Amino acid sequence: MRSHSGIMMTLGKGVAYSTSCKQKINTKSYTEAELVTVDDAMGQVLWTRHFLSAQGMAVPTTTIHQDNKSMILLVREQ
């Protein structure tokens, strides 16, 4: 099945980047679809961190929030 994913990135207050789209690959479960979403989002997150750092801004630790309990448990096992 193909899932619909949404990503929202903030820089403290307000949304700096958001997108919602249909995933380009088929997944077997909702947990796998969430993993694909996080993987798709990481490119934008890393680009933003490097851009802000190059501008001379202090970049704090990045936190990714997830609403799927199975996905949270899967990531914490790593």
PDB file of N, CA and C in Angstrom:
ATOM      1  N   MET A   1       0.836  -1.181   0.000  1.00  0.00           N
ATOM      2  CA  MET A   1       0.000   0.000   0.000  1.00  0.00           C
ATOM      3  C   MET A   1       0.879   1.242   0.000  1.00  0.00           C
ATOM      4  N   ARG A   2       0.352   2.304  -0.505  1.00  0.00           N
ATOM      5  CA  ARG A   2       1.052   3.585  -0.463  1.00  0.00           C
ATOM      6  C   ARG A   2       0.423   4.447   0.615  1.00  0.00           C
ATOM      7  N   SER A   3       1.269   5.096   1.361  1.00  0.00           N
ATOM      8  CA  SER A   3       0.809   5.885   2.491  1.00  0.00           C
ATOM      9  C   SER A   3       0.913   7.369   2.166  1.00  0.00           C
ATOM     10  N   HIS A   4       0.226   8.166   2.926  1.00  0.00           N
ATOM     11  CA  HIS A   4       0.293   9.617   2.814  1.00  0.00           C
ATOM     12  C   HIS A   4       1.123  10.109   3.983  1.00  0.00           C
ATOM     13  N   SER A   5       2.121  10.927   3.732  1.00  0.00           N
ATOM     14  CA  SER A   5       2.991  11.380   4.813  1.00  0.00           C
ATOM     15  C   SER A   5       2.988  12.896   4.916  1.00  0.00           C
ATOM     16  N   GLY A   6       3.204  13.352   6.139  1.00  0.00           N
ATOM     17  CA  GLY A   6       3.285  14.778   6.403  1.00  0.00           C
ATOM     18  C   GLY A   6       4.488  15.075   7.269  1.00  0.00           C
ATOM     19  N   ILE A   7       5.141  16.176   6.982  1.00  0.00           N
ATOM     20  CA  ILE A   7       6.343  16.569   7.711  1.00  0.00           C
ATOM     21  C   ILE A   7       6.195  18.040   8.091  1.00  0.00           C
ATOM     22  N   MET A   8       6.578  18.373   9.318  1.00  0.00           N
ATOM     23  CA  MET A   8       6.547  19.761   9.764  1.00  0.00           C
ATOM     24  C   MET A   8       7.825  20.033  10.555  1.00  0.00           C
ATOM     25  N   MET A   9       8.538  21.104  10.212  1.00  0.00           N
ATOM     26  CA  MET A   9       9.766  21.458  10.907  1.00  0.00           C
ATOM     27  C   MET A   9       9.619  22.863  11.476  1.00  0.00           C
ATOM     28  N   THR A  10       9.961  23.000  12.756  1.00  0.00           N
ATOM     29  CA  THR A  10       9.914  24.314  13.395  1.00  0.00           C
ATOM     30  C   THR A  10      11.319  24.712  13.815  1.00  0.00           C
ATOM     31  N   LEU A  11      11.506  25.986  13.989  1.00  0.00           N
ATOM     32  CA  LEU A  11      12.764  26.506  14.521  1.00  0.00           C
ATOM     33  C   LEU A  11      12.452  27.284  15.799  1.00  0.00           C
ATOM     34  N   GLY A  12      11.791  26.633  16.709  1.00  0.00           N
ATOM     35  CA  GLY A  12      11.389  27.277  17.957  1.00  0.00           C
ATOM     36  C   GLY A  12       9.922  27.630  17.928  1.00  0.00           C
ATOM     37  N   LYS A  13       9.588  28.745  17.302  1.00  0.00           N
ATOM     38  CA  LYS A  13       8.204  29.195  17.217  1.00  0.00           C
ATOM     39  C   LYS A  13       7.774  29.205  15.754  1.00  0.00           C
ATOM     40  N   GLY A  14       6.628  28.674  15.487  1.00  0.00           N
ATOM     41  CA  GLY A  14       6.099  28.692  14.134  1.00  0.00           C
ATOM     42  C   GLY A  14       6.726  27.638  13.234  1.00  0.00           C
ATOM     43  N   VAL A  15       6.075  27.387  12.137  1.00  0.00           N
ATOM     44  CA  VAL A  15       6.530  26.376  11.191  1.00  0.00           C
ATOM     45  C   VAL A  15       7.468  27.003  10.168  1.00  0.00           C
ATOM     46  N   ALA A  16       8.651  26.400  10.003  1.00  0.00           N
ATOM     47  CA  ALA A  16       9.613  26.888   9.012  1.00  0.00           C
ATOM     48  C   ALA A  16       9.484  26.110   7.703  1.00  0.00           C
ATOM     49  N   TYR A  17       9.044  24.853   7.791  1.00  0.00           N
ATOM     50  CA  TYR A  17       8.918  24.015   6.602  1.00  0.00           C
ATOM     51  C   TYR A  17       7.836  22.976   6.853  1.00  0.00           C
ATOM     52  N   SER A  18       6.959  22.799   5.896  1.00  0.00           N
ATOM     53  CA  SER A  18       5.964  21.733   6.012  1.00  0.00           C
ATOM     54  C   SER A  18       5.630  21.211   4.624  1.00  0.00           C
ATOM     55  N   THR A  19       5.319  19.929   4.571  1.00  0.00           N
ATOM     56  CA  THR A  19       4.930  19.307   3.317  1.00  0.00           C
ATOM     57  C   THR A  19       4.042  18.109   3.614  1.00  0.00           C
ATOM     58  N   SER A  20       3.206  17.796   2.665  1.00  0.00           N
ATOM     59  CA  SER A  20       2.339  16.636   2.752  1.00  0.00           C
ATOM     60  C   SER A  20       2.260  16.034   1.355  1.00  0.00           C
ATOM     61  N   CYS A  21       2.534  14.731   1.261  1.00  0.00           N
ATOM     62  CA  CYS A  21       2.532  14.104  -0.053  1.00  0.00           C
ATOM     63  C   CYS A  21       2.294  12.603   0.058  1.00  0.00           C
ATOM     64  N   LYS A  22       1.967  12.012  -1.062  1.00  0.00           N
ATOM     65  CA  LYS A  22       1.809  10.563  -1.141  1.00  0.00           C
ATOM     66  C   LYS A  22       3.193   9.955  -1.321  1.00  0.00           C
ATOM     67  N   GLN A  23       3.487   8.894  -0.571  1.00  0.00           N
ATOM     68  CA  GLN A  23       4.796   8.281  -0.666  1.00  0.00           C
ATOM     69  C   GLN A  23       4.985   7.628  -2.028  1.00  0.00           C
ATOM     70  N   LYS A  24       6.225   7.608  -2.475  1.00  0.00           N
ATOM     71  CA  LYS A  24       6.540   7.096  -3.805  1.00  0.00           C
ATOM     72  C   LYS A  24       6.772   5.593  -3.829  1.00  0.00           C
ATOM     73  N   ILE A  25       6.875   4.957  -2.654  1.00  0.00           N
ATOM     74  CA  ILE A  25       7.125   3.519  -2.627  1.00  0.00           C
ATOM     75  C   ILE A  25       6.034   2.803  -1.838  1.00  0.00           C
ATOM     76  N   ASN A  26       5.858   1.537  -2.125  1.00  0.00           N
ATOM     77  CA  ASN A  26       4.896   0.718  -1.402  1.00  0.00           C
ATOM     78  C   ASN A  26       5.524   0.207  -0.113  1.00  0.00           C
ATOM     79  N   THR A  27       4.729   0.167   0.959  1.00  0.00           N
ATOM     80  CA  THR A  27       5.191  -0.358   2.236  1.00  0.00           C
ATOM     81  C   THR A  27       4.231  -1.443   2.706  1.00  0.00           C
ATOM     82  N   LYS A  28       4.721  -2.308   3.579  1.00  0.00           N
ATOM     83  CA  LYS A  28       3.912  -3.416   4.064  1.00  0.00           C
ATOM     84  C   LYS A  28       3.105  -3.069   5.314  1.00  0.00           C
ATOM     85  N   SER A  29       3.557  -2.073   6.070  1.00  0.00           N
ATOM     86  CA  SER A  29       2.868  -1.735   7.317  1.00  0.00           C
ATOM     87  C   SER A  29       2.929  -0.230   7.555  1.00  0.00           C
ATOM     88  N   TYR A  30       2.113   0.210   8.493  1.00  0.00           N
ATOM     89  CA  TYR A  30       2.095   1.627   8.867  1.00  0.00           C
ATOM     90  C   TYR A  30       3.421   2.012   9.501  1.00  0.00           C
ATOM     91  N   THR A  31       4.007   1.110  10.282  1.00  0.00           N
ATOM     92  CA  THR A  31       5.299   1.391  10.918  1.00  0.00           C
ATOM     93  C   THR A  31       6.380   1.592   9.870  1.00  0.00           C
ATOM     94  N   GLU A  32       6.392   0.754   8.848  1.00  0.00           N
ATOM     95  CA  GLU A  32       7.371   0.905   7.773  1.00  0.00           C
ATOM     96  C   GLU A  32       7.137   2.213   7.017  1.00  0.00           C
ATOM     97  N   ALA A  33       5.890   2.592   6.836  1.00  0.00           N
ATOM     98  CA  ALA A  33       5.578   3.856   6.166  1.00  0.00           C
ATOM     99  C   ALA A  33       6.084   5.046   6.979  1.00  0.00           C
ATOM    100  N   GLU A  34       5.992   4.958   8.307  1.00  0.00           N
ATOM    101  CA  GLU A  34       6.511   6.028   9.167  1.00  0.00           C
ATOM    102  C   GLU A  34       8.033   6.113   9.053  1.00  0.00           C
ATOM    103  N   LEU A  35       8.689   4.974   8.954  1.00  0.00           N
ATOM    104  CA  LEU A  35      10.147   4.957   8.788  1.00  0.00           C
ATOM    105  C   LEU A  35      10.549   5.615   7.473  1.00  0.00           C
ATOM    106  N   VAL A  36       9.817   5.349   6.413  1.00  0.00           N
ATOM    107  CA  VAL A  36      10.073   5.971   5.115  1.00  0.00           C
ATOM    108  C   VAL A  36       9.878   7.484   5.215  1.00  0.00           C
ATOM    109  N   THR A  37       8.860   7.923   5.941  1.00  0.00           N
ATOM    110  CA  THR A  37       8.604   9.352   6.114  1.00  0.00           C
ATOM    111  C   THR A  37       9.765  10.036   6.816  1.00  0.00           C
ATOM    112  N   VAL A  38      10.267   9.429   7.887  1.00  0.00           N
ATOM    113  CA  VAL A  38      11.404  10.003   8.606  1.00  0.00           C
ATOM    114  C   VAL A  38      12.627  10.069   7.701  1.00  0.00           C
ATOM    115  N   ASP A  39      12.848   9.020   6.931  1.00  0.00           N
ATOM    116  CA  ASP A  39      13.974   9.008   5.999  1.00  0.00           C
ATOM    117  C   ASP A  39      13.839  10.121   4.956  1.00  0.00           C
ATOM    118  N   ASP A  40      12.639  10.330   4.448  1.00  0.00           N
ATOM    119  CA  ASP A  40      12.414  11.402   3.475  1.00  0.00           C
ATOM    120  C   ASP A  40      12.648  12.780   4.100  1.00  0.00           C
ATOM    121  N   ALA A  41      12.303  12.936   5.366  1.00  0.00           N
ATOM    122  CA  ALA A  41      12.429  14.234   6.039  1.00  0.00           C
ATOM    123  C   ALA A  41      13.873  14.573   6.397  1.00  0.00           C
ATOM    124  N   MET A  42      14.706  13.565   6.603  1.00  0.00           N
ATOM    125  CA  MET A  42      16.063  13.814   7.078  1.00  0.00           C
ATOM    126  C   MET A  42      16.893  14.665   6.123  1.00  0.00           C
ATOM    127  N   GLY A  43      16.668  14.548   4.844  1.00  0.00           N
ATOM    128  CA  GLY A  43      17.407  15.385   3.895  1.00  0.00           C
ATOM    129  C   GLY A  43      17.152  16.864   4.137  1.00  0.00           C
ATOM    130  N   GLN A  44      15.901  17.245   4.315  1.00  0.00           N
ATOM    131  CA  GLN A  44      15.554  18.640   4.577  1.00  0.00           C
ATOM    132  C   GLN A  44      16.077  19.097   5.938  1.00  0.00           C
ATOM    133  N   VAL A  45      15.981  18.239   6.932  1.00  0.00           N
ATOM    134  CA  VAL A  45      16.460  18.580   8.276  1.00  0.00           C
ATOM    135  C   VAL A  45      17.964  18.831   8.258  1.00  0.00           C
ATOM    136  N   LEU A  46      18.715  17.933   7.647  1.00  0.00           N
ATOM    137  CA  LEU A  46      20.170  18.090   7.601  1.00  0.00           C
ATOM    138  C   LEU A  46      20.585  19.296   6.772  1.00  0.00           C
ATOM    139  N   TRP A  47      19.898  19.536   5.653  1.00  0.00           N
ATOM    140  CA  TRP A  47      20.221  20.697   4.829  1.00  0.00           C
ATOM    141  C   TRP A  47      19.994  21.978   5.634  1.00  0.00           C
ATOM    142  N   THR A  48      18.874  22.051   6.361  1.00  0.00           N
ATOM    143  CA  THR A  48      18.562  23.242   7.159  1.00  0.00           C
ATOM    144  C   THR A  48      19.599  23.452   8.252  1.00  0.00           C
ATOM    145  N   ARG A  49      20.010  22.371   8.928  1.00  0.00           N
ATOM    146  CA  ARG A  49      21.030  22.483   9.975  1.00  0.00           C
ATOM    147  C   ARG A  49      22.348  23.019   9.406  1.00  0.00           C
ATOM    148  N   HIS A  50      22.786  22.472   8.271  1.00  0.00           N
ATOM    149  CA  HIS A  50      24.048  22.913   7.665  1.00  0.00           C
ATOM    150  C   HIS A  50      23.939  24.358   7.166  1.00  0.00           C
ATOM    151  N   PHE A  51      22.799  24.727   6.604  1.00  0.00           N
ATOM    152  CA  PHE A  51      22.596  26.095   6.127  1.00  0.00           C
ATOM    153  C   PHE A  51      22.671  27.093   7.276  1.00  0.00           C
ATOM    154  N   LEU A  52      21.965  26.809   8.371  1.00  0.00           N
ATOM    155  CA  LEU A  52      21.981  27.717   9.515  1.00  0.00           C
ATOM    156  C   LEU A  52      23.368  27.799  10.138  1.00  0.00           C
ATOM    157  N   SER A  53      24.067  26.678  10.190  1.00  0.00           N
ATOM    158  CA  SER A  53      25.428  26.676  10.730  1.00  0.00           C
ATOM    159  C   SER A  53      26.359  27.517   9.858  1.00  0.00           C
ATOM    160  N   ALA A  54      26.213  27.431   8.538  1.00  0.00           N
ATOM    161  CA  ALA A  54      27.043  28.225   7.623  1.00  0.00           C
ATOM    162  C   ALA A  54      26.749  29.715   7.733  1.00  0.00           C
ATOM    163  N   GLN A  55      25.533  30.052   8.183  1.00  0.00           N
ATOM    164  CA  GLN A  55      25.168  31.457   8.375  1.00  0.00           C
ATOM    165  C   GLN A  55      25.676  32.007   9.700  1.00  0.00           C
ATOM    166  N   GLY A  56      26.299  31.142  10.515  1.00  0.00           N
ATOM    167  CA  GLY A  56      26.861  31.579  11.790  1.00  0.00           C
ATOM    168  C   GLY A  56      25.917  31.413  12.970  1.00  0.00           C
ATOM    169  N   MET A  57      24.791  30.760  12.773  1.00  0.00           N
ATOM    170  CA  MET A  57      23.849  30.564  13.872  1.00  0.00           C
ATOM    171  C   MET A  57      24.229  29.324  14.673  1.00  0.00           C
ATOM    172  N   ALA A  58      23.976  29.381  15.966  1.00  0.00           N
ATOM    173  CA  ALA A  58      24.173  28.210  16.815  1.00  0.00           C
ATOM    174  C   ALA A  58      23.008  27.258  16.562  1.00  0.00           C
ATOM    175  N   VAL A  59      23.302  26.029  16.200  1.00  0.00           N
ATOM    176  CA  VAL A  59      22.262  25.058  15.870  1.00  0.00           C
ATOM    177  C   VAL A  59      22.127  24.077  17.033  1.00  0.00           C
ATOM    178  N   PRO A  60      20.969  24.076  17.706  1.00  0.00           N
ATOM    179  CA  PRO A  60      20.790  23.144  18.830  1.00  0.00           C
ATOM    180  C   PRO A  60      20.586  21.713  18.344  1.00  0.00           C
ATOM    181  N   THR A  61      20.536  20.806  19.272  1.00  0.00           N
ATOM    182  CA  THR A  61      20.297  19.403  18.958  1.00  0.00           C
ATOM    183  C   THR A  61      18.946  19.244  18.270  1.00  0.00           C
ATOM    184  N   THR A  62      18.903  18.415  17.246  1.00  0.00           N
ATOM    185  CA  THR A  62      17.670  18.180  16.506  1.00  0.00           C
ATOM    186  C   THR A  62      16.883  17.064  17.173  1.00  0.00           C
ATOM    187  N   THR A  63      15.586  17.292  17.352  1.00  0.00           N
ATOM    188  CA  THR A  63      14.696  16.294  17.925  1.00  0.00           C
ATOM    189  C   THR A  63      13.617  15.969  16.905  1.00  0.00           C
ATOM    190  N   ILE A  64      13.407  14.689  16.673  1.00  0.00           N
ATOM    191  CA  ILE A  64      12.351  14.258  15.766  1.00  0.00           C
ATOM    192  C   ILE A  64      11.245  13.655  16.607  1.00  0.00           C
ATOM    193  N   HIS A  65      10.038  14.170  16.463  1.00  0.00           N
ATOM    194  CA  HIS A  65       8.888  13.663  17.198  1.00  0.00           C
ATOM    195  C   HIS A  65       8.117  12.699  16.306  1.00  0.00           C
ATOM    196  N   GLN A  66       7.619  11.638  16.901  1.00  0.00           N
ATOM    197  CA  GLN A  66       6.931  10.589  16.162  1.00  0.00           C
ATOM    198  C   GLN A  66       5.658  10.205  16.917  1.00  0.00           C
ATOM    199  N   ASP A  67       4.579   9.943  16.189  1.00  0.00           N
ATOM    200  CA  ASP A  67       3.311   9.611  16.844  1.00  0.00           C
ATOM    201  C   ASP A  67       2.961   8.127  16.760  1.00  0.00           C
ATOM    202  N   ASN A  68       3.839   7.310  16.190  1.00  0.00           N
ATOM    203  CA  ASN A  68       3.579   5.889  16.051  1.00  0.00           C
ATOM    204  C   ASN A  68       4.384   5.135  17.101  1.00  0.00           C
ATOM    205  N   LYS A  69       3.693   4.494  18.047  1.00  0.00           N
ATOM    206  CA  LYS A  69       4.373   3.815  19.159  1.00  0.00           C
ATOM    207  C   LYS A  69       5.327   2.721  18.676  1.00  0.00           C
ATOM    208  N   SER A  70       4.936   1.952  17.665  1.00  0.00           N
ATOM    209  CA  SER A  70       5.813   0.903  17.135  1.00  0.00           C
ATOM    210  C   SER A  70       7.088   1.497  16.557  1.00  0.00           C
ATOM    211  N   MET A  71       6.955   2.621  15.884  1.00  0.00           N
ATOM    212  CA  MET A  71       8.120   3.289  15.299  1.00  0.00           C
ATOM    213  C   MET A  71       9.046   3.804  16.395  1.00  0.00           C
ATOM    214  N   ILE A  72       8.485   4.356  17.454  1.00  0.00           N
ATOM    215  CA  ILE A  72       9.290   4.860  18.569  1.00  0.00           C
ATOM    216  C   ILE A  72      10.085   3.720  19.190  1.00  0.00           C
ATOM    217  N   LEU A  73       9.436   2.583  19.424  1.00  0.00           N
ATOM    218  CA  LEU A  73      10.126   1.427  20.011  1.00  0.00           C
ATOM    219  C   LEU A  73      11.207   0.902  19.067  1.00  0.00           C
ATOM    220  N   LEU A  74      10.949   0.896  17.784  1.00  0.00           N
ATOM    221  CA  LEU A  74      11.922   0.434  16.809  1.00  0.00           C
ATOM    222  C   LEU A  74      13.168   1.314  16.805  1.00  0.00           C
ATOM    223  N   VAL A  75      12.978   2.618  16.864  1.00  0.00           N
ATOM    224  CA  VAL A  75      14.106   3.564  16.843  1.00  0.00           C
ATOM    225  C   VAL A  75      14.892   3.508  18.148  1.00  0.00           C
ATOM    226  N   ARG A  76      14.214   3.355  19.258  1.00  0.00           N
ATOM    227  CA  ARG A  76      14.904   3.310  20.561  1.00  0.00           C
ATOM    228  C   ARG A  76      15.769   2.076  20.719  1.00  0.00           C
ATOM    229  N   GLU A  77      15.471   1.018  20.000  1.00  0.00           N
ATOM    230  CA  GLU A  77      16.257  -0.212  20.072  1.00  0.00           C
ATOM    231  C   GLU A  77      17.614  -0.041  19.407  1.00  0.00           C
ATOM    232  N   GLN A  78      17.781   0.940  18.543  1.00  0.00           N
ATOM    233  CA  GLN A  78      19.023   1.133  17.800  1.00  0.00           C
ATOM    234  C   GLN A  78      20.145   1.558  18.683  1.00  0.00           C
TER     235      GLN A  78
END
